[in-house]
Amino acid sequence: MKAVVQTVSEAEVTVEGTSVGAIGEGLLVLLGVTHTDGPAEVRWIAEKIWSMRIMRDELSASDLDAPILLVSQFTLYADTRKGRRPSWNSAAPGPVAEPLVEAVAAHLRGLGARVETGKFGAMMLVRSVNVGPNTILLER
């Protein structure tokens, strides 16, 4: 499982012109899932996202009760070593990835986070204002 975590002053996901998820100051998380991911990766990444001290004044999202916008991003598993067209073989297919993305959102909510999401499998427009800029790559 991979996640790109950004501190944002605001972020929003729209699908076909309709907002499906939006937050103010918080974290934008782009989440990629691979074939071997399971419950252990779900717990680890959710707890890391919620507790990392990357927000203002070295606080975590949990310290600030900051919202999280979680967006599925299979392209985090692009393999660009050969040719000009990325391979997506390392990305889990939708039927495997979607329940795990939902499990990360559920685990975050169980920890106390307010979580907004994109729409799995849709063509999404993601708009964000990165603070810092601060972008962290998590991988397990």
C-alpha atoms as a PDB file:
ATOM      1  CA  MET A   1       0.000   0.000   0.000  1.00  0.00           C
ATOM      2  CA  LYS A   2       1.233   3.455  -0.896  1.00  0.00           C
ATOM      3  CA  ALA A   3      -0.074   6.854   0.094  1.00  0.00           C
ATOM      4  CA  VAL A   4       0.840  10.377  -0.878  1.00  0.00           C
ATOM      5  CA  VAL A   5      -0.160  12.587   2.042  1.00  0.00           C
ATOM      6  CA  GLN A   6      -0.363  16.359   1.631  1.00  0.00           C
ATOM      7  CA  THR A   7      -1.205  19.019   4.181  1.00  0.00           C
ATOM      8  CA  VAL A   8      -3.801  21.265   2.593  1.00  0.00           C
ATOM      9  CA  SER A   9      -5.727  24.407   3.427  1.00  0.00           C
ATOM     10  CA  GLU A  10      -8.534  22.991   1.279  1.00  0.00           C
ATOM     11  CA  ALA A  11      -9.155  20.125  -1.123  1.00  0.00           C
ATOM     12  CA  GLU A  12     -12.081  18.910  -3.190  1.00  0.00           C
ATOM     13  CA  VAL A  13     -12.929  16.063  -5.541  1.00  0.00           C
ATOM     14  CA  THR A  14     -15.516  16.495  -8.266  1.00  0.00           C
ATOM     15  CA  VAL A  15     -17.009  13.919 -10.605  1.00  0.00           C
ATOM     16  CA  GLU A  16     -18.876  15.127 -13.679  1.00  0.00           C
ATOM     17  CA  GLY A  17     -19.084  18.625 -12.211  1.00  0.00           C
ATOM     18  CA  THR A  18     -20.476  17.501  -8.844  1.00  0.00           C
ATOM     19  CA  SER A  19     -18.507  17.724  -5.605  1.00  0.00           C
ATOM     20  CA  VAL A  20     -18.226  14.273  -4.022  1.00  0.00           C
ATOM     21  CA  GLY A  21     -15.798  15.176  -1.215  1.00  0.00           C
ATOM     22  CA  ALA A  22     -14.344  18.380   0.189  1.00  0.00           C
ATOM     23  CA  ILE A  23     -12.373  19.466   3.252  1.00  0.00           C
ATOM     24  CA  GLY A  24     -10.861  22.605   4.717  1.00  0.00           C
ATOM     25  CA  GLU A  25      -7.542  22.505   6.584  1.00  0.00           C
ATOM     26  CA  GLY A  26      -6.517  18.862   6.783  1.00  0.00           C
ATOM     27  CA  LEU A  27      -4.906  16.074   4.790  1.00  0.00           C
ATOM     28  CA  LEU A  28      -5.340  15.049   1.171  1.00  0.00           C
ATOM     29  CA  VAL A  29      -4.410  11.379   0.844  1.00  0.00           C
ATOM     30  CA  LEU A  30      -3.919   9.659  -2.513  1.00  0.00           C
ATOM     31  CA  LEU A  31      -4.000   5.909  -1.830  1.00  0.00           C
ATOM     32  CA  GLY A  32      -2.718   3.080  -4.013  1.00  0.00           C
ATOM     33  CA  VAL A  33      -3.289  -0.615  -3.363  1.00  0.00           C
ATOM     34  CA  THR A  34      -1.278  -3.585  -4.625  1.00  0.00           C
ATOM     35  CA  HIS A  35      -2.160  -7.295  -4.883  1.00  0.00           C
ATOM     36  CA  THR A  36      -0.607  -8.393  -1.592  1.00  0.00           C
ATOM     37  CA  ASP A  37      -2.231  -5.739   0.632  1.00  0.00           C
ATOM     38  CA  GLY A  38      -4.585  -6.776   3.393  1.00  0.00           C
ATOM     39  CA  PRO A  39      -5.798  -5.901   6.901  1.00  0.00           C
ATOM     40  CA  ALA A  40      -2.298  -5.316   8.325  1.00  0.00           C
ATOM     41  CA  GLU A  41      -1.532  -2.686   5.677  1.00  0.00           C
ATOM     42  CA  VAL A  42      -4.949  -1.072   6.167  1.00  0.00           C
ATOM     43  CA  ARG A  43      -4.354  -0.652   9.907  1.00  0.00           C
ATOM     44  CA  TRP A  44      -0.751   0.509   9.534  1.00  0.00           C
ATOM     45  CA  ILE A  45      -1.411   3.159   6.901  1.00  0.00           C
ATOM     46  CA  ALA A  46      -4.580   4.497   8.552  1.00  0.00           C
ATOM     47  CA  GLU A  47      -2.883   4.826  11.926  1.00  0.00           C
ATOM     48  CA  LYS A  48       0.204   6.435  10.355  1.00  0.00           C
ATOM     49  CA  ILE A  49      -1.904   8.974   8.431  1.00  0.00           C
ATOM     50  CA  TRP A  50      -3.902   9.909  11.526  1.00  0.00           C
ATOM     51  CA  SER A  51      -0.929  10.184  13.883  1.00  0.00           C
ATOM     52  CA  MET A  52       1.911  11.647  11.753  1.00  0.00           C
ATOM     53  CA  ARG A  53       3.031  15.002  13.134  1.00  0.00           C
ATOM     54  CA  ILE A  54       3.095  16.873   9.817  1.00  0.00           C
ATOM     55  CA  MET A  55       0.453  19.523  10.410  1.00  0.00           C
ATOM     56  CA  ARG A  56       1.123  23.040  11.710  1.00  0.00           C
ATOM     57  CA  ASP A  57       3.181  23.322  14.900  1.00  0.00           C
ATOM     58  CA  GLU A  58       4.292  19.678  14.439  1.00  0.00           C
ATOM     59  CA  LEU A  59       0.845  18.399  15.336  1.00  0.00           C
ATOM     60  CA  SER A  60      -0.980  15.446  13.820  1.00  0.00           C
ATOM     61  CA  ALA A  61      -4.381  15.312  12.186  1.00  0.00           C
ATOM     62  CA  SER A  62      -5.601  13.566  15.335  1.00  0.00           C
ATOM     63  CA  ASP A  63      -4.265  16.399  17.534  1.00  0.00           C
ATOM     64  CA  LEU A  64      -6.130  18.980  15.447  1.00  0.00           C
ATOM     65  CA  ASP A  65      -9.187  16.865  14.639  1.00  0.00           C
ATOM     66  CA  ALA A  66      -8.336  17.694  11.026  1.00  0.00           C
ATOM     67  CA  PRO A  67     -10.417  16.134   8.232  1.00  0.00           C
ATOM     68  CA  ILE A  68      -9.009  13.785   5.624  1.00  0.00           C
ATOM     69  CA  LEU A  69      -9.895  13.597   1.935  1.00  0.00           C
ATOM     70  CA  LEU A  70      -9.053  10.047   0.803  1.00  0.00           C
ATOM     71  CA  VAL A  71      -8.785   9.435  -2.955  1.00  0.00           C
ATOM     72  CA  SER A  72      -8.037   6.090  -4.591  1.00  0.00           C
ATOM     73  CA  GLN A  73      -5.013   6.417  -6.893  1.00  0.00           C
ATOM     74  CA  PHE A  74      -3.975   3.219  -8.698  1.00  0.00           C
ATOM     75  CA  THR A  75      -1.365   5.188 -10.670  1.00  0.00           C
ATOM     76  CA  LEU A  76       0.888   5.216  -7.599  1.00  0.00           C
ATOM     77  CA  TYR A  77       1.815   1.694  -8.713  1.00  0.00           C
ATOM     78  CA  ALA A  78       2.929   2.735 -12.208  1.00  0.00           C
ATOM     79  CA  ASP A  79       6.013   0.919 -13.446  1.00  0.00           C
ATOM     80  CA  THR A  80       7.902   3.240 -15.784  1.00  0.00           C
ATOM     81  CA  ARG A  81      11.163   1.282 -16.118  1.00  0.00           C
ATOM     82  CA  LYS A  82      10.528   0.157 -19.704  1.00  0.00           C
ATOM     83  CA  GLY A  83       9.296   2.107 -22.670  1.00  0.00           C
ATOM     84  CA  ARG A  84       7.128   5.195 -22.615  1.00  0.00           C
ATOM     85  CA  ARG A  85       3.843   3.689 -21.455  1.00  0.00           C
ATOM     86  CA  PRO A  86       3.548   2.868 -17.733  1.00  0.00           C
ATOM     87  CA  SER A  87       2.568  -0.642 -16.714  1.00  0.00           C
ATOM     88  CA  TRP A  88      -0.166  -0.958 -14.091  1.00  0.00           C
ATOM     89  CA  ASN A  89       0.505  -4.642 -13.290  1.00  0.00           C
ATOM     90  CA  SER A  90       1.440  -3.874  -9.676  1.00  0.00           C
ATOM     91  CA  ALA A  91      -1.843  -2.061  -8.992  1.00  0.00           C
ATOM     92  CA  ALA A  92      -4.555  -4.244  -7.524  1.00  0.00           C
ATOM     93  CA  PRO A  93      -7.654  -4.582  -9.728  1.00  0.00           C
ATOM     94  CA  GLY A  94     -10.822  -2.766  -8.681  1.00  0.00           C
ATOM     95  CA  PRO A  95     -12.526  -5.730  -6.968  1.00  0.00           C
ATOM     96  CA  VAL A  96      -9.442  -6.137  -4.743  1.00  0.00           C
ATOM     97  CA  ALA A  97      -8.560  -2.468  -4.271  1.00  0.00           C
ATOM     98  CA  GLU A  98     -11.975  -0.922  -3.633  1.00  0.00           C
ATOM     99  CA  PRO A  99     -12.743  -2.845  -0.409  1.00  0.00           C
ATOM    100  CA  LEU A 100      -9.263  -2.036   0.919  1.00  0.00           C
ATOM    101  CA  VAL A 101      -9.640   1.689   0.177  1.00  0.00           C
ATOM    102  CA  GLU A 102     -13.010   1.567   1.944  1.00  0.00           C
ATOM    103  CA  ALA A 103     -11.373  -0.289   4.852  1.00  0.00           C
ATOM    104  CA  VAL A 104      -8.757   2.461   5.229  1.00  0.00           C
ATOM    105  CA  ALA A 105     -11.548   5.062   5.338  1.00  0.00           C
ATOM    106  CA  ALA A 106     -13.456   2.968   7.884  1.00  0.00           C
ATOM    107  CA  HIS A 107     -10.373   2.479  10.064  1.00  0.00           C
ATOM    108  CA  LEU A 108      -9.661   6.214   9.995  1.00  0.00           C
ATOM    109  CA  ARG A 109     -13.259   6.879  11.021  1.00  0.00           C
ATOM    110  CA  GLY A 110     -12.871   4.336  13.813  1.00  0.00           C
ATOM    111  CA  LEU A 111      -9.880   6.320  15.056  1.00  0.00           C
ATOM    112  CA  GLY A 112     -12.057   9.444  15.164  1.00  0.00           C
ATOM    113  CA  ALA A 113     -11.267  11.042  11.796  1.00  0.00           C
ATOM    114  CA  ARG A 114     -13.807  12.840   9.635  1.00  0.00           C
ATOM    115  CA  VAL A 115     -13.153  11.290   6.230  1.00  0.00           C
ATOM    116  CA  GLU A 116     -14.379  12.452   2.854  1.00  0.00           C
ATOM    117  CA  THR A 117     -13.674  10.335  -0.222  1.00  0.00           C
ATOM    118  CA  GLY A 118     -13.534  10.449  -3.968  1.00  0.00           C
ATOM    119  CA  LYS A 119     -15.558   8.035  -6.107  1.00  0.00           C
ATOM    120  CA  PHE A 120     -13.747   4.780  -6.782  1.00  0.00           C
ATOM    121  CA  GLY A 121     -13.138   4.113 -10.474  1.00  0.00           C
ATOM    122  CA  ALA A 122     -14.511   7.467 -11.633  1.00  0.00           C
ATOM    123  CA  MET A 123     -12.699  10.135 -13.615  1.00  0.00           C
ATOM    124  CA  MET A 124     -12.127  12.605 -10.781  1.00  0.00           C
ATOM    125  CA  LEU A 125     -10.912  16.168 -10.726  1.00  0.00           C
ATOM    126  CA  VAL A 126      -8.887  16.765  -7.571  1.00  0.00           C
ATOM    127  CA  ARG A 127      -8.266  20.347  -6.546  1.00  0.00           C
ATOM    128  CA  SER A 128      -6.073  21.190  -3.578  1.00  0.00           C
ATOM    129  CA  VAL A 129      -4.077  23.971  -1.983  1.00  0.00           C
ATOM    130  CA  ASN A 130      -0.958  22.391  -0.515  1.00  0.00           C
ATOM    131  CA  VAL A 131       0.382  24.023   2.653  1.00  0.00           C
ATOM    132  CA  GLY A 132       4.140  24.154   3.067  1.00  0.00           C
ATOM    133  CA  PRO A 133       4.312  22.626   0.517  1.00  0.00           C
ATOM    134  CA  ASN A 134       4.297  19.449   2.538  1.00  0.00           C
ATOM    135  CA  THR A 135       4.048  16.080   0.761  1.00  0.00           C
ATOM    136  CA  ILE A 136       4.912  12.761   2.395  1.00  0.00           C
ATOM    137  CA  LEU A 137       5.132   9.344   0.714  1.00  0.00           C
ATOM    138  CA  LEU A 138       4.096   6.377   2.851  1.00  0.00           C
ATOM    139  CA  GLU A 139       4.725   2.825   1.713  1.00  0.00           C
ATOM    140  CA  ARG A 140       4.243  -0.516   3.379  1.00  0.00           C
END
